[in-house]
Amino acid sequence: MAAERTGRRGRTRRLAPYALVLPGWMWLALFFVAPIASVVSMSLMTGSLGAGYAFTFEVGNYTRAVGLYWEQIVRSLVYGGLATVLCIAIGYPVAYWIAFKGGAYKSTYLLLVLLPFFVSFVLRTISWGFLLSDNGIVLGTLKSAGLLPGEFGVLNSATAVVFGLAYNFLPFMVLPIYAVLERMDHRVVEAAYDLYAGRVQAFVRVVLPMSLPGVFAGVIMVFIPTSADYVNATVLGGTGNTMIGKVIQTQYLVNNAYPLAAAITFILMAVLLVGIFSYAKALGTEQVMEVQAR
């Protein structure tokens, strides 16, 4: 009996880790693997909403998607990349200042960074459109003061879309960089100063390499949603700056062209994954994580 109980306890211990991870795997299977499999399956179908769809392994949906919408795909990647670079340029100094100079008010400054999230994404984008309108608070005031010509405009341009994307997703860049900088041992920076390193040298050789994990996470969290966004392009960019997200939304909900929309979706996902893996390899993710582990 004792041996039997010991055997049962041993089996329980062996199965316990699998039982603990099972809910997570089920969640991923239900809300990640199943939707992706459904998209891939739909992208290889033919038919219509009225007549129904049949799986015919129609790879032509992919070639048609690329042939029709390659310009929107490239535009989305360019806008997403520019918005990501802009978020780094703005977000890194903000995160650095909060981490090293925020003092007792760090939580307050972080709350100010997150404060726009208390307002709907769509409302924030529309408000940004009011600010950038030709006769809005910013441009209208500058034109009235004679600092800008009357025909100058930013709305319905690529500039408005990129700045709108950067504004909406800036916190996703600030927070991971701040989290890494906050955990950094400040004595390492002081040691660099003791070794006669200037502020620039200490930043380039010590702070920046140790903060790369935060930058890496921020780029992923910003580049992927900005490249697939369509709200900013619709509100701020007009008809001449359509992004691929708007095309997918139109094909799904307006034209009911589900196979074509699914093919575009999978192409976008594949392109983003290739870009992210290339970025990770170029940055040297394993070395970055080793630096962070130290």
C-alpha atoms as a PDB file:
ATOM      1  CA  MET A   1       0.000   0.000   0.000  1.00  0.00           C
ATOM      2  CA  ALA A   2       2.760   2.395   0.916  1.00  0.00           C
ATOM      3  CA  ALA A   3       4.531   1.688  -2.362  1.00  0.00           C
ATOM      4  CA  GLU A   4       1.297   2.235  -4.280  1.00  0.00           C
ATOM      5  CA  ARG A   5       0.684   5.585  -2.551  1.00  0.00           C
ATOM      6  CA  THR A   6       4.268   6.590  -3.252  1.00  0.00           C
ATOM      7  CA  GLY A   7       3.799   5.704  -6.920  1.00  0.00           C
ATOM      8  CA  ARG A   8       0.603   7.757  -7.169  1.00  0.00           C
ATOM      9  CA  ARG A   9       2.289  10.731  -5.542  1.00  0.00           C
ATOM     10  CA  GLY A  10       5.171  10.413  -7.989  1.00  0.00           C
ATOM     11  CA  ARG A  11       2.811  10.369 -10.964  1.00  0.00           C
ATOM     12  CA  THR A  12       0.946  13.360  -9.542  1.00  0.00           C
ATOM     13  CA  ARG A  13       4.176  15.309  -9.218  1.00  0.00           C
ATOM     14  CA  ARG A  14       5.124  14.461 -12.794  1.00  0.00           C
ATOM     15  CA  LEU A  15       1.724  15.451 -14.179  1.00  0.00           C
ATOM     16  CA  ALA A  16       1.300  18.599 -12.072  1.00  0.00           C
ATOM     17  CA  PRO A  17       3.371  20.893 -14.370  1.00  0.00           C
ATOM     18  CA  TYR A  18       1.394  19.739 -17.402  1.00  0.00           C
ATOM     19  CA  ALA A  19      -1.892  20.324 -15.582  1.00  0.00           C
ATOM     20  CA  LEU A  20      -0.800  23.843 -14.649  1.00  0.00           C
ATOM     21  CA  VAL A  21       0.196  24.753 -18.204  1.00  0.00           C
ATOM     22  CA  LEU A  22      -2.847  23.080 -19.801  1.00  0.00           C
ATOM     23  CA  PRO A  23      -5.203  26.118 -19.454  1.00  0.00           C
ATOM     24  CA  GLY A  24      -2.624  28.315 -21.157  1.00  0.00           C
ATOM     25  CA  TRP A  25      -2.176  25.894 -24.032  1.00  0.00           C
ATOM     26  CA  MET A  26      -5.944  25.568 -24.412  1.00  0.00           C
ATOM     27  CA  TRP A  27      -6.286  29.360 -24.491  1.00  0.00           C
ATOM     28  CA  LEU A  28      -3.601  29.634 -27.199  1.00  0.00           C
ATOM     29  CA  ALA A  29      -5.183  26.825 -29.197  1.00  0.00           C
ATOM     30  CA  LEU A  30      -8.648  28.379 -29.010  1.00  0.00           C
ATOM     31  CA  PHE A  31      -7.810  32.034 -29.586  1.00  0.00           C
ATOM     32  CA  PHE A  32      -4.568  31.859 -31.589  1.00  0.00           C
ATOM     33  CA  VAL A  33      -4.058  28.608 -33.460  1.00  0.00           C
ATOM     34  CA  ALA A  34      -7.720  28.092 -34.411  1.00  0.00           C
ATOM     35  CA  PRO A  35      -8.225  31.644 -35.825  1.00  0.00           C
ATOM     36  CA  ILE A  36      -4.999  31.447 -37.837  1.00  0.00           C
ATOM     37  CA  ALA A  37      -5.963  28.043 -39.217  1.00  0.00           C
ATOM     38  CA  SER A  38      -9.365  29.453 -40.108  1.00  0.00           C
ATOM     39  CA  VAL A  39      -7.789  32.415 -41.942  1.00  0.00           C
ATOM     40  CA  VAL A  40      -5.425  30.147 -43.870  1.00  0.00           C
ATOM     41  CA  SER A  41      -8.285  27.824 -44.798  1.00  0.00           C
ATOM     42  CA  MET A  42     -10.509  30.715 -45.909  1.00  0.00           C
ATOM     43  CA  SER A  43      -7.709  32.209 -48.006  1.00  0.00           C
ATOM     44  CA  LEU A  44      -7.644  29.035 -50.122  1.00  0.00           C
ATOM     45  CA  MET A  45     -11.396  28.969 -50.794  1.00  0.00           C
ATOM     46  CA  THR A  46     -13.528  30.146 -53.676  1.00  0.00           C
ATOM     47  CA  GLY A  47     -17.161  31.175 -53.864  1.00  0.00           C
ATOM     48  CA  SER A  48     -19.386  33.989 -52.635  1.00  0.00           C
ATOM     49  CA  LEU A  49     -21.411  34.887 -49.570  1.00  0.00           C
ATOM     50  CA  GLY A  50     -24.672  33.927 -51.275  1.00  0.00           C
ATOM     51  CA  ALA A  51     -23.564  30.697 -52.940  1.00  0.00           C
ATOM     52  CA  GLY A  52     -21.235  29.636 -50.141  1.00  0.00           C
ATOM     53  CA  TYR A  53     -17.513  28.957 -50.049  1.00  0.00           C
ATOM     54  CA  ALA A  54     -15.672  25.762 -50.932  1.00  0.00           C
ATOM     55  CA  PHE A  55     -12.102  24.780 -50.164  1.00  0.00           C
ATOM     56  CA  THR A  56     -10.424  24.502 -53.578  1.00  0.00           C
ATOM     57  CA  PHE A  57      -6.822  25.305 -52.633  1.00  0.00           C
ATOM     58  CA  GLU A  58      -7.062  28.520 -54.640  1.00  0.00           C
ATOM     59  CA  VAL A  59      -3.534  29.960 -54.300  1.00  0.00           C
ATOM     60  CA  GLY A  60      -4.525  32.530 -56.878  1.00  0.00           C
ATOM     61  CA  ASN A  61      -6.073  34.545 -54.028  1.00  0.00           C
ATOM     62  CA  TYR A  62      -2.552  35.330 -52.853  1.00  0.00           C
ATOM     63  CA  THR A  63      -1.228  36.397 -56.242  1.00  0.00           C
ATOM     64  CA  ARG A  64      -4.344  38.506 -56.789  1.00  0.00           C
ATOM     65  CA  ALA A  65      -3.941  40.128 -53.367  1.00  0.00           C
ATOM     66  CA  VAL A  66      -0.313  41.034 -54.024  1.00  0.00           C
ATOM     67  CA  GLY A  67      -1.057  42.240 -57.549  1.00  0.00           C
ATOM     68  CA  LEU A  68      -3.934  44.461 -56.454  1.00  0.00           C
ATOM     69  CA  TYR A  69      -2.708  45.788 -53.128  1.00  0.00           C
ATOM     70  CA  TRP A  70       1.095  45.669 -53.072  1.00  0.00           C
ATOM     71  CA  GLU A  71       1.176  49.474 -52.905  1.00  0.00           C
ATOM     72  CA  GLN A  72      -0.984  49.543 -49.772  1.00  0.00           C
ATOM     73  CA  ILE A  73       1.151  46.808 -48.180  1.00  0.00           C
ATOM     74  CA  VAL A  74       4.371  48.729 -48.814  1.00  0.00           C
ATOM     75  CA  ARG A  75       2.780  51.991 -47.647  1.00  0.00           C
ATOM     76  CA  SER A  76       1.633  50.366 -44.414  1.00  0.00           C
ATOM     77  CA  LEU A  77       5.110  49.000 -43.682  1.00  0.00           C
ATOM     78  CA  VAL A  78       6.711  52.377 -44.430  1.00  0.00           C
ATOM     79  CA  TYR A  79       4.229  54.289 -42.268  1.00  0.00           C
ATOM     80  CA  GLY A  80       4.609  51.747 -39.476  1.00  0.00           C
ATOM     81  CA  GLY A  81       8.391  51.939 -39.677  1.00  0.00           C
ATOM     82  CA  LEU A  82       8.433  55.743 -39.646  1.00  0.00           C
ATOM     83  CA  ALA A  83       6.013  55.849 -36.717  1.00  0.00           C
ATOM     84  CA  THR A  84       8.194  53.345 -34.835  1.00  0.00           C
ATOM     85  CA  VAL A  85      11.339  55.417 -35.414  1.00  0.00           C
ATOM     86  CA  LEU A  86       9.479  58.529 -34.276  1.00  0.00           C
ATOM     87  CA  CYS A  87       8.294  56.722 -31.143  1.00  0.00           C
ATOM     88  CA  ILE A  88      11.878  55.727 -30.345  1.00  0.00           C
ATOM     89  CA  ALA A  89      13.106  59.297 -30.888  1.00  0.00           C
ATOM     90  CA  ILE A  90      10.437  60.681 -28.540  1.00  0.00           C
ATOM     91  CA  GLY A  91       9.874  57.766 -26.190  1.00  0.00           C
ATOM     92  CA  TYR A  92      13.472  56.918 -25.268  1.00  0.00           C
ATOM     93  CA  PRO A  93      14.311  60.370 -23.834  1.00  0.00           C
ATOM     94  CA  VAL A  94      10.974  60.384 -21.974  1.00  0.00           C
ATOM     95  CA  ALA A  95      11.604  56.939 -20.476  1.00  0.00           C
ATOM     96  CA  TYR A  96      15.205  57.862 -19.640  1.00  0.00           C
ATOM     97  CA  TRP A  97      14.177  61.068 -17.888  1.00  0.00           C
ATOM     98  CA  ILE A  98      11.463  59.366 -15.856  1.00  0.00           C
ATOM     99  CA  ALA A  99      13.761  56.492 -14.843  1.00  0.00           C
ATOM    100  CA  PHE A 100      16.780  58.618 -13.882  1.00  0.00           C
ATOM    101  CA  LYS A 101      15.304  62.026 -13.032  1.00  0.00           C
ATOM    102  CA  GLY A 102      11.713  61.271 -12.016  1.00  0.00           C
ATOM    103  CA  GLY A 103      12.490  60.781  -8.353  1.00  0.00           C
ATOM    104  CA  ALA A 104       9.449  60.390  -6.125  1.00  0.00           C
ATOM    105  CA  TYR A 105       7.108  61.436  -8.958  1.00  0.00           C
ATOM    106  CA  LYS A 106       7.824  58.548 -11.323  1.00  0.00           C
ATOM    107  CA  SER A 107       4.347  57.094 -10.874  1.00  0.00           C
ATOM    108  CA  THR A 108       2.789  60.479 -11.644  1.00  0.00           C
ATOM    109  CA  TYR A 109       4.799  60.861 -14.839  1.00  0.00           C
ATOM    110  CA  LEU A 110       3.892  57.336 -15.940  1.00  0.00           C
ATOM    111  CA  LEU A 111       0.245  58.129 -15.294  1.00  0.00           C
ATOM    112  CA  LEU A 112       0.568  61.186 -17.542  1.00  0.00           C
ATOM    113  CA  VAL A 113       2.045  58.962 -20.270  1.00  0.00           C
ATOM    114  CA  LEU A 114      -0.875  56.554 -19.937  1.00  0.00           C
ATOM    115  CA  LEU A 115      -3.533  59.230 -19.502  1.00  0.00           C
ATOM    116  CA  PRO A 116      -4.524  59.332 -23.208  1.00  0.00           C
ATOM    117  CA  PHE A 117      -5.506  55.657 -22.933  1.00  0.00           C
ATOM    118  CA  PHE A 118      -8.415  56.693 -20.727  1.00  0.00           C
ATOM    119  CA  VAL A 119      -9.994  58.119 -23.908  1.00  0.00           C
ATOM    120  CA  SER A 120     -11.219  56.042 -26.824  1.00  0.00           C
ATOM    121  CA  PHE A 121      -8.665  55.365 -29.584  1.00  0.00           C
ATOM    122  CA  VAL A 122     -11.043  56.714 -32.230  1.00  0.00           C
ATOM    123  CA  LEU A 123     -11.788  59.888 -30.263  1.00  0.00           C
ATOM    124  CA  ARG A 124      -8.084  60.535 -29.768  1.00  0.00           C
ATOM    125  CA  THR A 125      -7.494  60.191 -33.499  1.00  0.00           C
ATOM    126  CA  ILE A 126     -10.384  62.513 -34.351  1.00  0.00           C
ATOM    127  CA  SER A 127      -9.072  65.057 -31.830  1.00  0.00           C
ATOM    128  CA  TRP A 128      -5.669  64.845 -33.484  1.00  0.00           C
ATOM    129  CA  GLY A 129      -7.435  65.601 -36.765  1.00  0.00           C
ATOM    130  CA  PHE A 130      -8.932  68.751 -35.263  1.00  0.00           C
ATOM    131  CA  LEU A 131      -5.476  69.863 -34.127  1.00  0.00           C
ATOM    132  CA  LEU A 132      -3.962  69.289 -37.567  1.00  0.00           C
ATOM    133  CA  SER A 133      -6.828  70.793 -39.585  1.00  0.00           C
ATOM    134  CA  ASP A 134      -5.975  73.738 -41.815  1.00  0.00           C
ATOM    135  CA  ASN A 135      -7.804  76.223 -39.582  1.00  0.00           C
ATOM    136  CA  GLY A 136      -7.396  74.340 -36.316  1.00  0.00           C
ATOM    137  CA  ILE A 137      -5.872  75.458 -33.065  1.00  0.00           C
ATOM    138  CA  VAL A 138      -2.274  74.922 -34.190  1.00  0.00           C
ATOM    139  CA  LEU A 139      -2.147  75.734 -37.899  1.00  0.00           C
ATOM    140  CA  GLY A 140      -4.904  78.347 -37.715  1.00  0.00           C
ATOM    141  CA  THR A 141      -3.036  80.257 -35.007  1.00  0.00           C
ATOM    142  CA  LEU A 142       0.266  80.091 -36.886  1.00  0.00           C
ATOM    143  CA  LYS A 143      -1.406  81.243 -40.100  1.00  0.00           C
ATOM    144  CA  SER A 144      -3.094  84.130 -38.314  1.00  0.00           C
ATOM    145  CA  ALA A 145       0.282  85.171 -36.926  1.00  0.00           C
ATOM    146  CA  GLY A 146       1.764  85.093 -40.427  1.00  0.00           C
ATOM    147  CA  LEU A 147       4.201  82.300 -39.574  1.00  0.00           C
ATOM    148  CA  LEU A 148       2.706  79.915 -42.148  1.00  0.00           C
ATOM    149  CA  PRO A 149       1.295  80.556 -45.631  1.00  0.00           C
ATOM    150  CA  GLY A 150      -2.460  80.323 -46.011  1.00  0.00           C
ATOM    151  CA  GLU A 151      -2.319  77.283 -48.302  1.00  0.00           C
ATOM    152  CA  PHE A 152      -0.161  75.253 -45.924  1.00  0.00           C
ATOM    153  CA  GLY A 153      -1.805  72.050 -44.704  1.00  0.00           C
ATOM    154  CA  VAL A 154      -0.894  68.830 -42.929  1.00  0.00           C
ATOM    155  CA  LEU A 155      -4.182  66.953 -42.807  1.00  0.00           C
ATOM    156  CA  ASN A 156      -4.832  64.312 -45.488  1.00  0.00           C
ATOM    157  CA  SER A 157      -1.119  63.647 -45.870  1.00  0.00           C
ATOM    158  CA  ALA A 158       1.403  60.956 -44.991  1.00  0.00           C
ATOM    159  CA  THR A 159       2.855  63.271 -42.349  1.00  0.00           C
ATOM    160  CA  ALA A 160      -0.469  63.443 -40.510  1.00  0.00           C
ATOM    161  CA  VAL A 161      -0.846  59.658 -40.575  1.00  0.00           C
ATOM    162  CA  VAL A 162       2.677  58.990 -39.269  1.00  0.00           C
ATOM    163  CA  PHE A 163       2.365  61.560 -36.483  1.00  0.00           C
ATOM    164  CA  GLY A 164      -1.068  60.222 -35.568  1.00  0.00           C
ATOM    165  CA  LEU A 165       0.270  56.676 -35.361  1.00  0.00           C
ATOM    166  CA  ALA A 166       3.220  57.808 -33.259  1.00  0.00           C
ATOM    167  CA  TYR A 167       0.940  59.753 -30.917  1.00  0.00           C
ATOM    168  CA  ASN A 168      -1.468  56.859 -30.385  1.00  0.00           C
ATOM    169  CA  PHE A 169       1.178  54.183 -29.821  1.00  0.00           C
ATOM    170  CA  LEU A 170       3.897  56.185 -28.037  1.00  0.00           C
ATOM    171  CA  PRO A 171       3.145  54.676 -24.571  1.00  0.00           C
ATOM    172  CA  PHE A 172       3.874  51.206 -25.967  1.00  0.00           C
ATOM    173  CA  MET A 173       7.432  52.398 -26.600  1.00  0.00           C
ATOM    174  CA  VAL A 174       7.905  54.359 -23.386  1.00  0.00           C
ATOM    175  CA  LEU A 175       6.787  51.665 -20.941  1.00  0.00           C
ATOM    176  CA  PRO A 176       9.094  48.750 -21.917  1.00  0.00           C
ATOM    177  CA  ILE A 177      12.114  51.052 -22.190  1.00  0.00           C
ATOM    178  CA  TYR A 178      11.297  52.588 -18.817  1.00  0.00           C
ATOM    179  CA  ALA A 179      10.876  49.139 -17.242  1.00  0.00           C
ATOM    180  CA  VAL A 180      14.396  48.151 -18.335  1.00  0.00           C
ATOM    181  CA  LEU A 181      15.997  51.455 -17.349  1.00  0.00           C
ATOM    182  CA  GLU A 182      14.281  51.420 -13.966  1.00  0.00           C
ATOM    183  CA  ARG A 183      15.758  48.010 -13.120  1.00  0.00           C
ATOM    184  CA  MET A 184      19.240  49.070 -14.223  1.00  0.00           C
ATOM    185  CA  ASP A 185      21.838  49.282 -11.475  1.00  0.00           C
ATOM    186  CA  HIS A 186      22.771  52.966 -11.434  1.00  0.00           C
ATOM    187  CA  ARG A 187      26.096  52.083  -9.830  1.00  0.00           C
ATOM    188  CA  VAL A 188      27.194  50.755 -13.216  1.00  0.00           C
ATOM    189  CA  VAL A 189      26.765  54.226 -14.698  1.00  0.00           C
ATOM    190  CA  GLU A 190      28.601  55.758 -11.751  1.00  0.00           C
ATOM    191  CA  ALA A 191      31.410  53.278 -12.306  1.00  0.00           C
ATOM    192  CA  ALA A 192      31.662  54.437 -15.917  1.00  0.00           C
ATOM    193  CA  TYR A 193      32.049  58.014 -14.692  1.00  0.00           C
ATOM    194  CA  ASP A 194      34.726  56.882 -12.232  1.00  0.00           C
ATOM    195  CA  LEU A 195      36.597  55.393 -15.190  1.00  0.00           C
ATOM    196  CA  TYR A 196      36.624  58.867 -16.808  1.00  0.00           C
ATOM    197  CA  ALA A 197      33.837  58.194 -19.286  1.00  0.00           C
ATOM    198  CA  GLY A 198      31.876  61.265 -20.341  1.00  0.00           C
ATOM    199  CA  ARG A 199      28.093  61.397 -20.351  1.00  0.00           C
ATOM    200  CA  VAL A 200      27.912  60.451 -24.017  1.00  0.00           C
ATOM    201  CA  GLN A 201      30.372  57.572 -23.622  1.00  0.00           C
ATOM    202  CA  ALA A 202      28.563  56.269 -20.538  1.00  0.00           C
ATOM    203  CA  PHE A 203      25.266  56.351 -22.391  1.00  0.00           C
ATOM    204  CA  VAL A 204      26.554  54.720 -25.589  1.00  0.00           C
ATOM    205  CA  ARG A 205      28.677  52.039 -23.894  1.00  0.00           C
ATOM    206  CA  VAL A 206      26.616  51.285 -20.781  1.00  0.00           C
ATOM    207  CA  VAL A 207      23.041  52.580 -20.757  1.00  0.00           C
ATOM    208  CA  LEU A 208      22.090  51.971 -24.382  1.00  0.00           C
ATOM    209  CA  PRO A 209      23.296  48.334 -24.602  1.00  0.00           C
ATOM    210  CA  MET A 210      21.568  47.476 -21.328  1.00  0.00           C
ATOM    211  CA  SER A 211      18.315  49.099 -22.491  1.00  0.00           C
ATOM    212  CA  LEU A 212      18.159  47.239 -25.821  1.00  0.00           C
ATOM    213  CA  PRO A 213      15.676  44.626 -24.529  1.00  0.00           C
ATOM    214  CA  GLY A 214      13.219  47.454 -23.830  1.00  0.00           C
ATOM    215  CA  VAL A 215      13.812  48.964 -27.257  1.00  0.00           C
ATOM    216  CA  PHE A 216      13.323  45.557 -28.866  1.00  0.00           C
ATOM    217  CA  ALA A 217      10.033  45.005 -27.033  1.00  0.00           C
ATOM    218  CA  GLY A 218       8.887  48.544 -27.823  1.00  0.00           C
ATOM    219  CA  VAL A 219       9.587  48.154 -31.537  1.00  0.00           C
ATOM    220  CA  ILE A 220       7.536  44.952 -31.681  1.00  0.00           C
ATOM    221  CA  MET A 221       4.674  46.493 -29.691  1.00  0.00           C
ATOM    222  CA  VAL A 222       4.589  49.581 -31.928  1.00  0.00           C
ATOM    223  CA  PHE A 223       5.531  48.368 -35.399  1.00  0.00           C
ATOM    224  CA  ILE A 224       3.029  45.505 -35.623  1.00  0.00           C
ATOM    225  CA  PRO A 225      -0.150  47.443 -34.676  1.00  0.00           C
ATOM    226  CA  THR A 226       0.847  50.601 -36.566  1.00  0.00           C
ATOM    227  CA  SER A 227       1.450  48.635 -39.769  1.00  0.00           C
ATOM    228  CA  ALA A 228      -2.001  47.040 -39.529  1.00  0.00           C
ATOM    229  CA  ASP A 229      -3.842  50.169 -38.346  1.00  0.00           C
ATOM    230  CA  TYR A 230      -6.498  51.758 -40.526  1.00  0.00           C
ATOM    231  CA  VAL A 231      -8.193  54.301 -38.237  1.00  0.00           C
ATOM    232  CA  ASN A 232      -5.401  56.878 -38.451  1.00  0.00           C
ATOM    233  CA  ALA A 233      -5.087  56.552 -42.225  1.00  0.00           C
ATOM    234  CA  THR A 234      -8.862  56.909 -42.638  1.00  0.00           C
ATOM    235  CA  VAL A 235      -9.260  59.928 -40.344  1.00  0.00           C
ATOM    236  CA  LEU A 236      -5.969  61.736 -40.969  1.00  0.00           C
ATOM    237  CA  GLY A 237      -4.781  60.523 -44.362  1.00  0.00           C
ATOM    238  CA  GLY A 238      -7.775  60.734 -46.646  1.00  0.00           C
ATOM    239  CA  THR A 239      -8.235  58.573 -49.732  1.00  0.00           C
ATOM    240  CA  GLY A 240      -4.679  58.975 -50.998  1.00  0.00           C
ATOM    241  CA  ASN A 241      -3.024  57.338 -47.998  1.00  0.00           C
ATOM    242  CA  THR A 242      -4.992  54.102 -47.629  1.00  0.00           C
ATOM    243  CA  MET A 243      -3.241  51.459 -45.556  1.00  0.00           C
ATOM    244  CA  ILE A 244      -3.669  47.708 -45.878  1.00  0.00           C
ATOM    245  CA  GLY A 245      -5.786  47.517 -42.716  1.00  0.00           C
ATOM    246  CA  LYS A 246      -8.469  49.583 -44.416  1.00  0.00           C
ATOM    247  CA  VAL A 247      -8.338  47.301 -47.458  1.00  0.00           C
ATOM    248  CA  ILE A 248      -8.844  44.229 -45.269  1.00  0.00           C
ATOM    249  CA  GLN A 249     -11.726  45.884 -43.420  1.00  0.00           C
ATOM    250  CA  THR A 250     -13.393  46.842 -46.717  1.00  0.00           C
ATOM    251  CA  GLN A 251     -12.977  43.388 -48.246  1.00  0.00           C
ATOM    252  CA  TYR A 252     -14.377  41.684 -45.154  1.00  0.00           C
ATOM    253  CA  LEU A 253     -17.240  43.959 -44.157  1.00  0.00           C
ATOM    254  CA  VAL A 254     -18.194  45.803 -47.341  1.00  0.00           C
ATOM    255  CA  ASN A 255     -17.357  43.589 -50.309  1.00  0.00           C
ATOM    256  CA  ASN A 256     -17.792  40.286 -48.401  1.00  0.00           C
ATOM    257  CA  ALA A 257     -14.763  38.961 -50.293  1.00  0.00           C
ATOM    258  CA  TYR A 258     -13.672  36.694 -47.459  1.00  0.00           C
ATOM    259  CA  PRO A 259     -11.059  34.587 -49.325  1.00  0.00           C
ATOM    260  CA  LEU A 260      -9.311  37.658 -50.726  1.00  0.00           C
ATOM    261  CA  ALA A 261      -9.435  39.416 -47.351  1.00  0.00           C
ATOM    262  CA  ALA A 262      -8.039  36.321 -45.624  1.00  0.00           C
ATOM    263  CA  ALA A 263      -5.223  36.097 -48.178  1.00  0.00           C
ATOM    264  CA  ILE A 264      -4.299  39.752 -47.594  1.00  0.00           C
ATOM    265  CA  THR A 265      -4.390  39.169 -43.836  1.00  0.00           C
ATOM    266  CA  PHE A 266      -2.064  36.175 -44.032  1.00  0.00           C
ATOM    267  CA  ILE A 267       0.321  38.011 -46.372  1.00  0.00           C
ATOM    268  CA  LEU A 268       0.501  40.947 -43.965  1.00  0.00           C
ATOM    269  CA  MET A 269       1.125  38.617 -41.031  1.00  0.00           C
ATOM    270  CA  ALA A 270       3.856  36.756 -42.921  1.00  0.00           C
ATOM    271  CA  VAL A 271       5.573  39.990 -43.961  1.00  0.00           C
ATOM    272  CA  LEU A 272       5.473  41.310 -40.382  1.00  0.00           C
ATOM    273  CA  LEU A 273       6.883  38.048 -39.016  1.00  0.00           C
ATOM    274  CA  VAL A 274       9.736  38.091 -41.534  1.00  0.00           C
ATOM    275  CA  GLY A 275      10.445  41.706 -40.639  1.00  0.00           C
ATOM    276  CA  ILE A 276      10.418  41.021 -36.894  1.00  0.00           C
ATOM    277  CA  PHE A 277      12.694  37.974 -37.182  1.00  0.00           C
ATOM    278  CA  SER A 278      15.082  39.907 -39.437  1.00  0.00           C
ATOM    279  CA  TYR A 279      15.106  42.757 -36.936  1.00  0.00           C
ATOM    280  CA  ALA A 280      15.768  40.347 -34.080  1.00  0.00           C
ATOM    281  CA  LYS A 281      18.657  38.744 -35.951  1.00  0.00           C
ATOM    282  CA  ALA A 282      20.151  42.096 -36.910  1.00  0.00           C
ATOM    283  CA  LEU A 283      19.889  43.344 -33.328  1.00  0.00           C
ATOM    284  CA  GLY A 284      21.278  40.129 -31.888  1.00  0.00           C
ATOM    285  CA  THR A 285      18.438  39.185 -29.569  1.00  0.00           C
ATOM    286  CA  GLU A 286      20.396  36.449 -27.778  1.00  0.00           C
ATOM    287  CA  GLN A 287      23.189  38.886 -26.948  1.00  0.00           C
ATOM    288  CA  VAL A 288      20.620  41.455 -25.868  1.00  0.00           C
ATOM    289  CA  MET A 289      19.000  38.993 -23.474  1.00  0.00           C
ATOM    290  CA  GLU A 290      22.406  37.982 -22.124  1.00  0.00           C
ATOM    291  CA  VAL A 291      23.160  41.615 -21.352  1.00  0.00           C
ATOM    292  CA  GLN A 292      19.816  41.976 -19.607  1.00  0.00           C
ATOM    293  CA  ALA A 293      20.374  38.779 -17.596  1.00  0.00           C
ATOM    294  CA  ARG A 294      23.582  40.184 -16.213  1.00  0.00           C
END
